[in-house]
Amino acid sequence: MRYLLIHKLDESRPEAWNPSPEFIEAMGAFMTECAESGVLLAAEGVHDSSEGAIIRKTGSGTSVTDGPFTEAREVIGGFAVLQVDSREQAIELGQRFAGLFEEVSVEVRRVMEFEDLPDDVQTQQGSHDIEAVQGGLRP
């Protein structure tokens, strides 16, 4: 099963966007270990929120708010997609990942697979072969 790990940082902390060489070394070693063991499917960090935007759709329309997101206590710092055997394994890896930081929160979420959808939704997919598209995106 696949899990998404999203790490969130306090954007006001100096090390949030200027990591130390020691941090980069430790993160690289952890990512290499995860990749070599076959659990890491993807991982990326993101730029600070000044380079981002939030799009909100409501019944009355769509709004776009440009960053920085000064009202947010935490902002997304990056993500990883893992292929693991269990929720517990995803949490254990998330805890190890969090241990690399001084301060961080890591959200662990199971990725919705096509097979997780109700049978009636799977059979009513119409002309869109979602399962084939999903499969084409996976390694």
N, C-alpha and C. Protein backbone atom coordinates (compact mmCIF):
# COMPACT_ATOMS: atom_id res chain seq x y z
N MET A 1 0.83 -1.17 0.00
CA MET A 1 0.00 0.00 0.00
C MET A 1 0.88 1.24 0.00
N ARG A 2 0.32 2.31 -0.58
CA ARG A 2 1.09 3.54 -0.66
C ARG A 2 0.62 4.53 0.40
N TYR A 3 1.58 5.27 0.92
CA TYR A 3 1.30 6.32 1.90
C TYR A 3 1.99 7.60 1.47
N LEU A 4 1.31 8.70 1.74
CA LEU A 4 1.86 10.03 1.49
C LEU A 4 2.27 10.62 2.83
N LEU A 5 3.50 11.06 2.92
CA LEU A 5 3.99 11.78 4.10
C LEU A 5 4.17 13.23 3.70
N ILE A 6 3.50 14.12 4.40
CA ILE A 6 3.61 15.56 4.14
C ILE A 6 4.24 16.18 5.37
N HIS A 7 5.37 16.84 5.18
CA HIS A 7 5.95 17.49 6.35
C HIS A 7 5.68 18.98 6.31
N LYS A 8 5.35 19.50 7.51
CA LYS A 8 4.97 20.90 7.66
C LYS A 8 5.92 21.56 8.64
N LEU A 9 6.30 22.79 8.29
CA LEU A 9 7.30 23.54 9.06
C LEU A 9 6.75 24.89 9.49
N ASP A 10 7.34 25.42 10.54
CA ASP A 10 7.11 26.81 10.92
C ASP A 10 7.99 27.65 10.00
N GLU A 11 7.37 28.35 9.07
CA GLU A 11 8.12 29.07 8.04
C GLU A 11 9.00 30.18 8.62
N SER A 12 8.69 30.62 9.84
CA SER A 12 9.48 31.71 10.43
C SER A 12 10.81 31.23 11.01
N ARG A 13 10.97 29.93 11.18
CA ARG A 13 12.24 29.41 11.72
C ARG A 13 13.33 29.53 10.67
N PRO A 14 14.49 30.07 11.04
CA PRO A 14 15.56 30.31 10.06
C PRO A 14 15.99 29.06 9.30
N GLU A 15 16.02 27.91 9.96
CA GLU A 15 16.50 26.69 9.30
C GLU A 15 15.45 26.06 8.37
N ALA A 16 14.22 26.59 8.38
CA ALA A 16 13.17 26.01 7.55
C ALA A 16 13.56 25.97 6.08
N TRP A 17 14.18 27.02 5.57
CA TRP A 17 14.52 27.07 4.15
C TRP A 17 16.02 27.19 3.92
N ASN A 18 16.80 27.13 4.98
CA ASN A 18 18.26 27.18 4.88
C ASN A 18 18.86 26.07 5.72
N PRO A 19 18.70 24.82 5.27
CA PRO A 19 19.18 23.70 6.09
C PRO A 19 20.71 23.67 6.19
N SER A 20 21.17 23.13 7.29
CA SER A 20 22.62 23.01 7.51
C SER A 20 23.19 21.87 6.65
N PRO A 21 24.49 21.89 6.41
CA PRO A 21 25.12 20.77 5.69
C PRO A 21 24.90 19.44 6.41
N GLU A 22 24.89 19.47 7.74
CA GLU A 22 24.67 18.24 8.52
C GLU A 22 23.26 17.69 8.28
N PHE A 23 22.28 18.60 8.21
CA PHE A 23 20.91 18.17 7.94
C PHE A 23 20.82 17.54 6.56
N ILE A 24 21.41 18.18 5.57
CA ILE A 24 21.38 17.66 4.19
C ILE A 24 22.02 16.28 4.13
N GLU A 25 23.12 16.10 4.84
CA GLU A 25 23.80 14.80 4.88
C GLU A 25 22.89 13.73 5.50
N ALA A 26 22.27 14.06 6.64
CA ALA A 26 21.39 13.10 7.33
C ALA A 26 20.16 12.78 6.48
N MET A 27 19.57 13.81 5.86
CA MET A 27 18.40 13.59 5.01
C MET A 27 18.78 12.73 3.80
N GLY A 28 19.92 13.00 3.20
CA GLY A 28 20.38 12.21 2.06
C GLY A 28 20.58 10.76 2.42
N ALA A 29 21.16 10.51 3.58
CA ALA A 29 21.38 9.13 4.03
C ALA A 29 20.06 8.41 4.25
N PHE A 30 19.09 9.10 4.86
CA PHE A 30 17.78 8.49 5.12
C PHE A 30 17.06 8.20 3.80
N MET A 31 17.07 9.16 2.87
CA MET A 31 16.41 8.96 1.58
C MET A 31 17.07 7.84 0.79
N THR A 32 18.40 7.76 0.84
CA THR A 32 19.12 6.68 0.15
C THR A 32 18.72 5.33 0.73
N GLU A 33 18.67 5.24 2.05
CA GLU A 33 18.26 3.99 2.70
C GLU A 33 16.86 3.59 2.26
N CYS A 34 15.93 4.55 2.25
CA CYS A 34 14.55 4.25 1.85
C CYS A 34 14.46 3.84 0.38
N ALA A 35 15.23 4.51 -0.47
CA ALA A 35 15.23 4.17 -1.90
C ALA A 35 15.81 2.78 -2.13
N GLU A 36 16.93 2.50 -1.48
CA GLU A 36 17.58 1.20 -1.68
C GLU A 36 16.75 0.05 -1.13
N SER A 37 15.94 0.31 -0.11
CA SER A 37 15.08 -0.75 0.44
C SER A 37 13.79 -0.91 -0.36
N GLY A 38 13.56 -0.01 -1.32
CA GLY A 38 12.40 -0.13 -2.20
C GLY A 38 11.13 0.53 -1.69
N VAL A 39 11.17 1.22 -0.56
CA VAL A 39 9.94 1.84 -0.04
C VAL A 39 9.70 3.25 -0.57
N LEU A 40 10.74 3.93 -1.03
CA LEU A 40 10.59 5.32 -1.47
C LEU A 40 10.23 5.37 -2.95
N LEU A 41 9.04 5.90 -3.24
CA LEU A 41 8.61 6.06 -4.63
C LEU A 41 8.90 7.46 -5.15
N ALA A 42 8.78 8.45 -4.28
CA ALA A 42 9.03 9.84 -4.67
C ALA A 42 9.23 10.66 -3.41
N ALA A 43 10.00 11.73 -3.53
CA ALA A 43 10.18 12.67 -2.41
C ALA A 43 10.69 13.98 -2.97
N GLU A 44 10.13 15.06 -2.49
CA GLU A 44 10.55 16.39 -2.92
C GLU A 44 10.34 17.38 -1.79
N GLY A 45 11.21 18.36 -1.72
CA GLY A 45 10.99 19.52 -0.88
C GLY A 45 10.36 20.60 -1.74
N VAL A 46 9.77 21.61 -1.11
CA VAL A 46 9.17 22.71 -1.87
C VAL A 46 9.76 24.03 -1.39
N HIS A 47 9.65 25.04 -2.23
CA HIS A 47 10.11 26.37 -1.87
C HIS A 47 9.18 26.98 -0.82
N ASP A 48 9.62 28.05 -0.18
CA ASP A 48 8.79 28.70 0.83
C ASP A 48 7.51 29.24 0.19
N SER A 49 6.55 29.58 1.03
CA SER A 49 5.21 29.91 0.54
C SER A 49 5.16 31.21 -0.26
N SER A 50 6.22 32.02 -0.23
CA SER A 50 6.21 33.24 -1.04
C SER A 50 6.16 32.92 -2.53
N GLU A 51 6.54 31.71 -2.90
CA GLU A 51 6.49 31.31 -4.30
C GLU A 51 5.24 30.49 -4.63
N GLY A 52 4.31 30.41 -3.68
CA GLY A 52 3.12 29.59 -3.87
C GLY A 52 1.84 30.39 -3.99
N ALA A 53 0.76 29.68 -4.11
CA ALA A 53 -0.58 30.27 -4.17
C ALA A 53 -1.56 29.25 -3.61
N ILE A 54 -2.68 29.74 -3.12
CA ILE A 54 -3.78 28.88 -2.69
C ILE A 54 -4.98 29.20 -3.55
N ILE A 55 -5.57 28.17 -4.13
CA ILE A 55 -6.77 28.31 -4.95
C ILE A 55 -7.93 27.75 -4.14
N ARG A 56 -8.96 28.56 -3.96
CA ARG A 56 -10.15 28.13 -3.22
C ARG A 56 -11.36 28.19 -4.14
N LYS A 57 -12.09 27.07 -4.22
CA LYS A 57 -13.31 27.00 -5.02
C LYS A 57 -14.47 26.88 -4.06
N THR A 58 -15.41 27.78 -4.19
CA THR A 58 -16.65 27.70 -3.41
C THR A 58 -17.80 27.72 -4.40
N GLY A 59 -19.01 27.58 -3.88
CA GLY A 59 -20.18 27.60 -4.76
C GLY A 59 -20.28 28.87 -5.58
N SER A 60 -19.76 29.97 -5.04
CA SER A 60 -19.90 31.25 -5.73
C SER A 60 -18.73 31.60 -6.64
N GLY A 61 -17.69 30.82 -6.62
CA GLY A 61 -16.57 31.15 -7.50
C GLY A 61 -15.25 30.62 -7.00
N THR A 62 -14.21 31.12 -7.63
CA THR A 62 -12.85 30.68 -7.33
C THR A 62 -12.01 31.90 -6.96
N SER A 63 -11.18 31.74 -5.93
CA SER A 63 -10.26 32.81 -5.56
C SER A 63 -8.84 32.26 -5.52
N VAL A 64 -7.88 33.12 -5.79
CA VAL A 64 -6.47 32.76 -5.74
C VAL A 64 -5.80 33.72 -4.77
N THR A 65 -5.11 33.15 -3.78
CA THR A 65 -4.35 33.95 -2.82
C THR A 65 -2.88 33.64 -3.03
N ASP A 66 -2.12 34.66 -3.35
CA ASP A 66 -0.68 34.49 -3.52
C ASP A 66 0.01 34.42 -2.17
N GLY A 67 1.12 33.66 -2.11
CA GLY A 67 1.92 33.60 -0.90
C GLY A 67 2.70 34.88 -0.71
N PRO A 68 3.33 35.08 0.41
CA PRO A 68 3.48 34.12 1.50
C PRO A 68 2.20 33.99 2.33
N PHE A 69 2.07 32.86 2.98
CA PHE A 69 0.88 32.56 3.78
C PHE A 69 1.16 32.92 5.23
N THR A 70 1.15 34.21 5.53
CA THR A 70 1.55 34.69 6.85
C THR A 70 0.60 34.26 7.95
N GLU A 71 -0.65 33.96 7.60
CA GLU A 71 -1.62 33.54 8.61
C GLU A 71 -1.46 32.07 9.02
N ALA A 72 -0.73 31.31 8.24
CA ALA A 72 -0.56 29.88 8.53
C ALA A 72 0.51 29.67 9.59
N ARG A 73 0.19 28.82 10.57
CA ARG A 73 1.17 28.48 11.59
C ARG A 73 2.25 27.56 11.01
N GLU A 74 1.83 26.63 10.17
CA GLU A 74 2.76 25.71 9.52
C GLU A 74 2.47 25.71 8.03
N VAL A 75 3.52 25.52 7.25
CA VAL A 75 3.37 25.41 5.80
C VAL A 75 4.02 24.11 5.34
N ILE A 76 3.61 23.64 4.18
CA ILE A 76 4.17 22.41 3.63
C ILE A 76 5.62 22.65 3.25
N GLY A 77 6.49 21.76 3.72
CA GLY A 77 7.91 21.83 3.40
C GLY A 77 8.31 20.80 2.36
N GLY A 78 7.48 19.77 2.19
CA GLY A 78 7.78 18.73 1.22
C GLY A 78 6.91 17.51 1.43
N PHE A 79 7.19 16.48 0.66
CA PHE A 79 6.39 15.26 0.73
C PHE A 79 7.24 14.06 0.34
N ALA A 80 6.74 12.89 0.69
CA ALA A 80 7.31 11.63 0.23
C ALA A 80 6.16 10.67 -0.03
N VAL A 81 6.31 9.82 -1.02
CA VAL A 81 5.36 8.75 -1.29
C VAL A 81 6.09 7.44 -1.04
N LEU A 82 5.51 6.62 -0.18
CA LEU A 82 6.13 5.36 0.23
C LEU A 82 5.29 4.17 -0.20
N GLN A 83 5.93 3.08 -0.54
CA GLN A 83 5.27 1.79 -0.78
C GLN A 83 5.66 0.91 0.39
N VAL A 84 4.70 0.66 1.28
CA VAL A 84 4.99 -0.07 2.51
C VAL A 84 3.99 -1.20 2.71
N ASP A 85 4.27 -2.04 3.69
CA ASP A 85 3.40 -3.18 3.97
C ASP A 85 2.26 -2.85 4.91
N SER A 86 2.39 -1.75 5.68
CA SER A 86 1.37 -1.46 6.70
C SER A 86 1.40 0.01 7.09
N ARG A 87 0.32 0.43 7.73
CA ARG A 87 0.24 1.78 8.30
C ARG A 87 1.34 1.96 9.34
N GLU A 88 1.57 0.93 10.12
CA GLU A 88 2.59 0.99 11.17
C GLU A 88 3.98 1.26 10.58
N GLN A 89 4.28 0.62 9.45
CA GLN A 89 5.57 0.85 8.81
C GLN A 89 5.67 2.29 8.31
N ALA A 90 4.58 2.81 7.75
CA ALA A 90 4.58 4.20 7.29
C ALA A 90 4.79 5.16 8.46
N ILE A 91 4.15 4.89 9.58
CA ILE A 91 4.32 5.74 10.76
C ILE A 91 5.74 5.65 11.29
N GLU A 92 6.30 4.45 11.33
CA GLU A 92 7.68 4.29 11.81
C GLU A 92 8.65 5.09 10.94
N LEU A 93 8.48 5.03 9.63
CA LEU A 93 9.34 5.80 8.73
C LEU A 93 9.09 7.30 8.89
N GLY A 94 7.84 7.67 9.10
CA GLY A 94 7.51 9.07 9.35
C GLY A 94 8.16 9.59 10.62
N GLN A 95 8.19 8.75 11.65
CA GLN A 95 8.84 9.14 12.91
C GLN A 95 10.35 9.30 12.72
N ARG A 96 10.95 8.41 11.97
CA ARG A 96 12.39 8.52 11.70
C ARG A 96 12.67 9.79 10.90
N PHE A 97 11.82 10.07 9.93
CA PHE A 97 11.96 11.28 9.12
C PHE A 97 11.84 12.52 10.02
N ALA A 98 10.83 12.55 10.87
CA ALA A 98 10.64 13.69 11.78
C ALA A 98 11.84 13.88 12.69
N GLY A 99 12.49 12.79 13.06
CA GLY A 99 13.65 12.86 13.93
C GLY A 99 14.84 13.60 13.33
N LEU A 100 14.81 13.84 12.03
CA LEU A 100 15.89 14.58 11.38
C LEU A 100 15.79 16.09 11.63
N PHE A 101 14.61 16.55 12.04
CA PHE A 101 14.34 17.97 12.21
C PHE A 101 14.38 18.37 13.68
N GLU A 102 14.57 19.67 13.93
CA GLU A 102 14.41 20.18 15.29
C GLU A 102 12.94 20.30 15.62
N GLU A 103 12.15 20.78 14.65
CA GLU A 103 10.73 20.99 14.85
C GLU A 103 10.01 20.76 13.53
N VAL A 104 9.05 19.84 13.52
CA VAL A 104 8.32 19.52 12.30
C VAL A 104 7.07 18.74 12.68
N SER A 105 6.06 18.77 11.83
CA SER A 105 4.95 17.82 11.96
C SER A 105 4.90 17.05 10.64
N VAL A 106 4.61 15.77 10.75
CA VAL A 106 4.56 14.90 9.57
C VAL A 106 3.18 14.25 9.54
N GLU A 107 2.44 14.53 8.50
CA GLU A 107 1.12 13.93 8.33
C GLU A 107 1.28 12.67 7.48
N VAL A 108 0.72 11.57 7.94
CA VAL A 108 0.82 10.28 7.25
C VAL A 108 -0.58 9.93 6.75
N ARG A 109 -0.72 9.80 5.43
CA ARG A 109 -2.03 9.53 4.83
C ARG A 109 -1.92 8.40 3.82
N ARG A 110 -2.84 7.45 3.92
CA ARG A 110 -2.88 6.36 2.94
C ARG A 110 -3.39 6.90 1.61
N VAL A 111 -2.75 6.50 0.53
CA VAL A 111 -3.14 6.92 -0.81
C VAL A 111 -4.34 6.09 -1.24
N MET A 112 -5.36 6.75 -1.78
CA MET A 112 -6.55 6.07 -2.26
C MET A 112 -6.23 5.39 -3.59
N GLU A 113 -6.38 4.09 -3.60
CA GLU A 113 -6.17 3.31 -4.82
C GLU A 113 -7.52 3.13 -5.51
N PHE A 114 -7.49 2.86 -6.79
CA PHE A 114 -8.73 2.64 -7.54
C PHE A 114 -9.56 1.53 -6.91
N GLU A 115 -8.87 0.48 -6.46
CA GLU A 115 -9.57 -0.66 -5.85
C GLU A 115 -10.27 -0.29 -4.55
N ASP A 116 -9.89 0.83 -3.94
CA ASP A 116 -10.51 1.26 -2.69
C ASP A 116 -11.88 1.91 -2.92
N LEU A 117 -12.17 2.29 -4.15
CA LEU A 117 -13.45 2.92 -4.45
C LEU A 117 -14.56 1.87 -4.42
N PRO A 118 -15.79 2.29 -4.13
CA PRO A 118 -16.91 1.34 -4.14
C PRO A 118 -17.06 0.68 -5.51
N ASP A 119 -17.55 -0.55 -5.52
CA ASP A 119 -17.70 -1.30 -6.77
C ASP A 119 -18.51 -0.54 -7.81
N ASP A 120 -19.61 0.13 -7.38
CA ASP A 120 -20.44 0.83 -8.35
C ASP A 120 -19.69 2.00 -8.99
N VAL A 121 -18.79 2.61 -8.28
CA VAL A 121 -17.99 3.69 -8.86
C VAL A 121 -16.99 3.10 -9.85
N GLN A 122 -16.40 1.98 -9.50
CA GLN A 122 -15.42 1.35 -10.39
C GLN A 122 -16.07 0.94 -11.71
N THR A 123 -17.30 0.43 -11.65
CA THR A 123 -17.96 -0.05 -12.87
C THR A 123 -18.56 1.10 -13.68
N GLN A 124 -18.76 2.27 -13.07
CA GLN A 124 -19.35 3.41 -13.77
C GLN A 124 -18.31 4.43 -14.21
N GLN A 125 -17.10 4.00 -14.39
CA GLN A 125 -16.05 4.95 -14.75
C GLN A 125 -16.20 5.47 -16.18
N GLY A 126 -17.11 4.88 -16.94
CA GLY A 126 -17.37 5.37 -18.29
C GLY A 126 -16.18 5.20 -19.21
N SER A 127 -15.94 6.20 -20.03
CA SER A 127 -14.86 6.10 -21.02
C SER A 127 -13.50 6.43 -20.43
N HIS A 128 -13.46 6.81 -19.18
CA HIS A 128 -12.18 7.15 -18.54
C HIS A 128 -11.65 5.94 -17.79
N ASP A 129 -10.58 5.39 -18.28
CA ASP A 129 -9.97 4.23 -17.64
C ASP A 129 -9.00 4.71 -16.56
N ILE A 130 -9.57 5.07 -15.41
CA ILE A 130 -8.79 5.64 -14.31
C ILE A 130 -7.72 4.68 -13.84
N GLU A 131 -8.05 3.41 -13.75
CA GLU A 131 -7.09 2.42 -13.27
C GLU A 131 -5.87 2.37 -14.18
N ALA A 132 -6.09 2.42 -15.49
CA ALA A 132 -4.96 2.40 -16.43
C ALA A 132 -4.12 3.66 -16.30
N VAL A 133 -4.78 4.79 -16.12
CA VAL A 133 -4.04 6.04 -15.94
C VAL A 133 -3.22 5.98 -14.66
N GLN A 134 -3.84 5.53 -13.56
CA GLN A 134 -3.11 5.40 -12.30
C GLN A 134 -1.92 4.47 -12.47
N GLY A 135 -2.14 3.35 -13.10
CA GLY A 135 -1.08 2.38 -13.30
C GLY A 135 0.06 2.94 -14.13
N GLY A 136 -0.27 3.78 -15.10
CA GLY A 136 0.75 4.39 -15.94
C GLY A 136 1.60 5.41 -15.20
N LEU A 137 1.08 5.93 -14.10
CA LEU A 137 1.82 6.92 -13.32
C LEU A 137 2.74 6.28 -12.30
N ARG A 138 2.51 5.03 -12.00
CA ARG A 138 3.32 4.35 -10.99
C ARG A 138 4.59 3.79 -11.61
N PRO A 139 5.64 3.69 -10.80
CA PRO A 139 6.88 3.09 -11.33
C PRO A 139 6.72 1.62 -11.61
